[in-house]
Amino acid sequence: MPVKGTIGNLTFYKSQDGYLIREKGGIDAQRIATDPAFQRTRENGAEFGRAGKAGKVFRNSVRALAKNASDSKMVSRITKNMHSVLKEDTTNPRGLRTVTDGNIELLDGFEFNKNGKLTTTLYAPFSVTIDRVTGTLSVNIPAFIPANMIAAPGGATHFRINAAGTEVDFAEGKFTVDIQSTEQLPMEEPLDAAVDLEASVTANSTLPLFVLIGIEFFQEVNGELKPLLNKAFNVLAVVKVSTP
């Protein structure tokens, strides 16, 4: 039986050419942690880890919506965006830069699902307001005809619009979120009134605030509305960011 695994400094592995042996390589972890020559490596690692943690907090703040409206690369894309935010920090030295002191407004426009983008799904105009004093985050969409203004996936008979207001403390890893949604609305019937969704977070907050808009699609089967089995085209995007 072929050997697979590591013995001493030798690693036995299977490749397309059969079973091969190679010596263990790489740089000793202790050297990376202490050698001055790897100072930049340590700085990059610390900041990338910080960006990853910030991305996780942000994802968790809207997990209820993101779990049904995200692509397979969403986690890595958020981490990359958080790293870009962190690199805009001009307060702290390299290696100690944080998302909190970076340019958080770079997250404006982030799409959780590359397969179902808000910009190519909802064509009705909308407005977003953030009132920090009251902690009110509002989304308004004037009455529109869904069949004309929403690019729905095949089989969708109904849709629901979600609005999330979230307040995120990246330093402490905490958040406050409020999600408001419409009823499940028919695709083929004009809306009689505007969509007004109002979320609430902490009044007079000193933390970053985010407003997101999401759209979920449903199919009517035997008189019951069920989420489309293919959730690939559900939408969730950041539409407004407010920093203190």
Protein backbone atom coordinates (compact mmCIF):
# COMPACT_ATOMS: atom_id res chain seq x y z
CA MET A 1 0.00 0.00 0.00
CA PRO A 2 1.44 3.45 -0.93
CA VAL A 3 2.48 5.66 1.97
CA LYS A 4 0.87 9.08 2.47
CA GLY A 5 1.85 11.55 5.18
CA THR A 6 5.03 12.85 6.80
CA ILE A 7 7.93 11.00 8.35
CA GLY A 8 10.67 13.18 9.72
CA ASN A 9 11.56 15.74 7.05
CA LEU A 10 9.99 13.69 4.26
CA THR A 11 6.43 14.08 2.96
CA PHE A 12 4.81 11.30 0.94
CA TYR A 13 2.02 12.48 -1.36
CA LYS A 14 0.02 11.56 -4.45
CA SER A 15 0.26 13.68 -7.61
CA GLN A 16 -0.99 13.26 -11.14
CA ASP A 17 2.32 11.48 -11.84
CA GLY A 18 1.82 8.99 -9.03
CA TYR A 19 3.15 8.82 -5.47
CA LEU A 20 6.10 11.12 -4.80
CA ILE A 21 8.37 12.15 -1.93
CA ARG A 22 9.59 15.64 -1.07
CA GLU A 23 11.45 17.28 1.76
CA LYS A 24 9.54 19.51 4.13
CA GLY A 25 10.14 23.12 3.25
CA GLY A 26 9.13 26.56 4.40
CA ILE A 27 10.46 28.96 6.95
CA ASP A 28 10.47 28.19 10.64
CA ALA A 29 7.53 29.83 12.43
CA GLN A 30 9.74 31.00 15.29
CA ARG A 31 11.97 32.83 12.84
CA ILE A 32 9.01 34.58 11.26
CA ALA A 33 7.83 35.64 14.72
CA THR A 34 11.17 37.08 15.86
CA ASP A 35 13.54 37.77 12.95
CA PRO A 36 13.71 41.51 12.11
CA ALA A 37 13.86 40.54 8.44
CA PHE A 38 10.23 39.40 8.70
CA GLN A 39 8.90 42.54 10.39
CA ARG A 40 6.84 43.47 7.32
CA THR A 41 5.44 39.93 7.16
CA ARG A 42 4.33 40.16 10.79
CA GLU A 43 2.73 43.55 10.16
CA ASN A 44 0.84 42.27 7.13
CA GLY A 45 -0.33 39.19 9.01
CA ALA A 46 -1.59 41.21 11.97
CA GLU A 47 -3.53 43.60 9.77
CA PHE A 48 -5.00 40.88 7.59
CA GLY A 49 -6.19 39.08 10.73
CA ARG A 50 -7.75 42.30 11.99
CA ALA A 51 -9.53 42.77 8.67
CA GLY A 52 -10.84 39.20 8.84
CA LYS A 53 -12.28 39.72 12.31
CA ALA A 54 -13.94 42.97 11.23
CA GLY A 55 -15.46 41.21 8.23
CA LYS A 56 -16.87 38.49 10.46
CA VAL A 57 -18.53 41.02 12.77
CA PHE A 58 -20.05 42.81 9.80
CA ARG A 59 -21.30 39.55 8.26
CA ASN A 60 -22.82 38.45 11.55
CA SER A 61 -24.64 41.76 11.91
CA VAL A 62 -26.74 40.96 8.82
CA ARG A 63 -26.51 37.17 8.87
CA ALA A 64 -30.30 36.75 8.86
CA LEU A 65 -30.37 38.26 5.36
CA ALA A 66 -26.93 37.29 4.07
CA LYS A 67 -27.47 33.56 4.58
CA ASN A 68 -30.03 33.62 1.74
CA ALA A 69 -28.32 36.21 -0.45
CA SER A 70 -24.60 35.60 -0.84
CA ASP A 71 -22.21 33.94 -3.24
CA SER A 72 -19.47 31.42 -2.43
CA LYS A 73 -16.75 34.11 -2.38
CA MET A 74 -18.63 36.56 -0.16
CA VAL A 75 -16.46 35.96 2.94
CA SER A 76 -13.19 36.52 1.12
CA ARG A 77 -14.57 39.57 -0.69
CA ILE A 78 -15.63 41.20 2.57
CA THR A 79 -12.22 40.47 4.10
CA LYS A 80 -10.53 42.06 1.09
CA ASN A 81 -12.76 45.14 1.38
CA MET A 82 -12.09 45.41 5.11
CA HIS A 83 -8.37 45.25 4.38
CA SER A 84 -8.80 48.16 1.96
CA VAL A 85 -10.67 50.07 4.67
CA LEU A 86 -7.90 49.36 7.20
CA LYS A 87 -5.15 50.52 4.84
CA GLU A 88 -6.77 53.97 4.75
CA ASP A 89 -6.02 54.40 8.47
CA THR A 90 -3.66 57.37 8.76
CA THR A 91 -3.78 57.48 12.58
CA ASN A 92 -1.93 54.31 13.53
CA PRO A 93 1.44 53.02 12.24
CA ARG A 94 1.67 50.14 9.78
CA GLY A 95 0.98 46.86 11.55
CA LEU A 96 -1.35 48.55 14.05
CA ARG A 97 -3.86 50.04 11.62
CA THR A 98 -7.53 49.30 12.31
CA VAL A 99 -10.83 49.22 10.43
CA THR A 100 -12.29 51.65 12.97
CA ASP A 101 -9.72 54.30 12.03
CA GLY A 102 -9.85 53.51 8.32
CA ASN A 103 -12.20 54.71 5.61
CA ILE A 104 -15.32 52.69 6.40
CA GLU A 105 -17.25 54.44 3.65
CA LEU A 106 -15.40 52.20 1.18
CA LEU A 107 -17.99 49.54 2.14
CA ASP A 108 -20.73 51.61 0.50
CA GLY A 109 -22.05 49.67 -2.49
CA PHE A 110 -20.78 46.26 -1.35
CA GLU A 111 -22.81 43.47 -2.94
CA PHE A 112 -23.18 40.26 -0.92
CA ASN A 113 -24.20 38.26 -3.97
CA LYS A 114 -22.33 38.70 -7.24
CA ASN A 115 -24.97 36.58 -8.97
CA GLY A 116 -27.82 38.80 -7.79
CA LYS A 117 -26.73 42.43 -7.58
CA LEU A 118 -29.02 45.20 -6.40
CA THR A 119 -27.80 47.41 -9.25
CA THR A 120 -29.00 44.90 -11.87
CA THR A 121 -32.13 43.73 -10.03
CA LEU A 122 -33.93 46.80 -8.68
CA TYR A 123 -34.40 49.61 -11.20
CA ALA A 124 -36.94 51.62 -9.21
CA PRO A 125 -35.42 54.76 -7.68
CA PHE A 126 -35.00 54.79 -3.92
CA SER A 127 -33.75 57.15 -1.22
CA VAL A 128 -31.96 56.39 2.03
CA THR A 129 -31.68 58.62 5.10
CA ILE A 130 -29.77 58.20 8.34
CA ASP A 131 -30.69 60.28 11.38
CA ARG A 132 -27.94 59.76 13.95
CA VAL A 133 -29.70 61.81 16.61
CA THR A 134 -32.74 59.52 16.71
CA GLY A 135 -30.98 56.38 15.48
CA THR A 136 -33.44 56.07 12.60
CA LEU A 137 -32.36 54.57 9.28
CA SER A 138 -34.97 54.79 6.51
CA VAL A 139 -35.49 53.44 3.01
CA ASN A 140 -38.12 54.93 0.70
CA ILE A 141 -39.09 53.54 -2.71
CA PRO A 142 -41.91 55.37 -4.53
CA ALA A 143 -44.75 53.21 -5.86
CA PHE A 144 -43.69 51.29 -8.96
CA ILE A 145 -44.65 48.42 -11.26
CA PRO A 146 -42.59 45.37 -10.19
CA ALA A 147 -42.75 43.68 -13.58
CA ASN A 148 -41.10 46.74 -15.10
CA MET A 149 -38.68 47.67 -12.34
CA ILE A 150 -37.47 44.34 -10.91
CA ALA A 151 -35.41 41.84 -12.88
CA ALA A 152 -36.75 38.66 -11.28
CA PRO A 153 -35.36 35.17 -11.87
CA GLY A 154 -37.43 32.65 -13.78
CA GLY A 155 -40.26 31.13 -11.76
CA ALA A 156 -40.57 34.02 -9.32
CA THR A 157 -44.16 35.10 -8.73
CA HIS A 158 -43.61 37.23 -5.61
CA PHE A 159 -40.85 39.23 -3.95
CA ARG A 160 -40.07 40.81 -0.62
CA ILE A 161 -37.97 43.90 0.02
CA ASN A 162 -35.81 43.97 3.16
CA ALA A 163 -34.08 46.91 4.77
CA ALA A 164 -31.45 46.45 7.47
CA GLY A 165 -30.02 49.13 9.71
CA THR A 166 -26.92 48.04 11.58
CA GLU A 167 -24.60 49.73 14.07
CA VAL A 168 -21.21 48.02 14.29
CA ASP A 169 -18.51 48.28 16.94
CA PHE A 170 -15.54 46.76 15.13
CA ALA A 171 -13.18 47.31 18.08
CA GLU A 172 -15.37 45.34 20.51
CA GLY A 173 -16.81 42.91 17.98
CA LYS A 174 -20.41 43.89 18.78
CA PHE A 175 -23.37 45.14 16.77
CA THR A 176 -26.99 46.26 16.91
CA VAL A 177 -29.24 45.45 13.97
CA ASP A 178 -32.86 46.05 13.03
CA ILE A 179 -34.41 44.42 9.95
CA GLN A 180 -37.69 45.58 8.45
CA SER A 181 -39.47 43.92 5.53
CA THR A 182 -42.46 44.29 3.26
CA GLU A 183 -45.02 41.57 2.82
CA GLN A 184 -44.52 39.12 -0.01
CA LEU A 185 -45.66 41.18 -2.98
CA PRO A 186 -46.90 39.88 -6.37
CA MET A 187 -44.64 40.54 -9.34
CA GLU A 188 -47.55 41.18 -11.70
CA GLU A 189 -49.43 43.80 -9.68
CA PRO A 190 -48.47 47.49 -9.42
CA LEU A 191 -47.68 48.78 -5.95
CA ASP A 192 -50.46 51.06 -4.70
CA ALA A 193 -48.21 52.92 -2.27
CA ALA A 194 -44.56 53.69 -1.66
CA VAL A 195 -42.37 51.24 0.24
CA ASP A 196 -41.28 52.86 3.51
CA LEU A 197 -39.05 50.78 5.77
CA GLU A 198 -37.63 52.26 8.96
CA ALA A 199 -34.99 50.57 11.13
CA SER A 200 -33.82 51.75 14.53
CA VAL A 201 -30.45 51.58 16.27
CA THR A 202 -28.92 53.44 19.23
CA ALA A 203 -29.74 57.14 19.34
CA ASN A 204 -26.73 59.46 19.17
CA SER A 205 -24.47 56.54 18.29
CA THR A 206 -20.74 57.17 17.95
CA LEU A 207 -20.27 54.04 15.83
CA PRO A 208 -20.43 53.40 12.08
CA LEU A 209 -23.96 52.91 10.76
CA PHE A 210 -24.96 50.94 7.67
CA VAL A 211 -28.15 50.65 5.64
CA LEU A 212 -28.66 47.61 3.42
CA ILE A 213 -31.39 46.73 0.94
CA GLY A 214 -32.25 43.14 0.11
CA ILE A 215 -34.72 41.42 -2.19
CA GLU A 216 -35.92 37.83 -1.83
CA PHE A 217 -37.92 35.95 -4.43
CA PHE A 218 -40.76 33.45 -3.97
CA GLN A 219 -42.86 31.15 -6.07
CA GLU A 220 -46.54 30.41 -5.55
CA VAL A 221 -47.19 26.67 -5.58
CA ASN A 222 -50.70 25.36 -4.93
CA GLY A 223 -51.65 28.59 -3.19
CA GLU A 224 -48.54 28.64 -0.97
CA LEU A 225 -45.60 31.00 -1.29
CA LYS A 226 -42.26 29.26 -1.02
CA PRO A 227 -38.72 30.62 -1.38
CA LEU A 228 -37.28 29.78 -4.76
CA LEU A 229 -35.18 26.64 -4.44
CA ASN A 230 -32.47 28.49 -6.32
CA LYS A 231 -31.56 31.39 -4.03
CA ALA A 232 -28.69 32.42 -6.30
CA PHE A 233 -30.48 35.61 -7.38
CA ASN A 234 -31.56 36.95 -3.99
CA VAL A 235 -30.10 40.40 -3.42
CA LEU A 236 -28.36 42.17 -0.52
CA ALA A 237 -26.23 45.31 -0.79
CA VAL A 238 -24.90 48.15 1.34
CA VAL A 239 -26.59 51.33 0.12
CA LYS A 240 -25.43 53.89 2.66
CA VAL A 241 -22.68 54.25 5.26
CA SER A 242 -22.46 56.86 7.99
CA THR A 243 -19.38 57.48 10.12
CA PRO A 244 -19.33 59.57 13.32
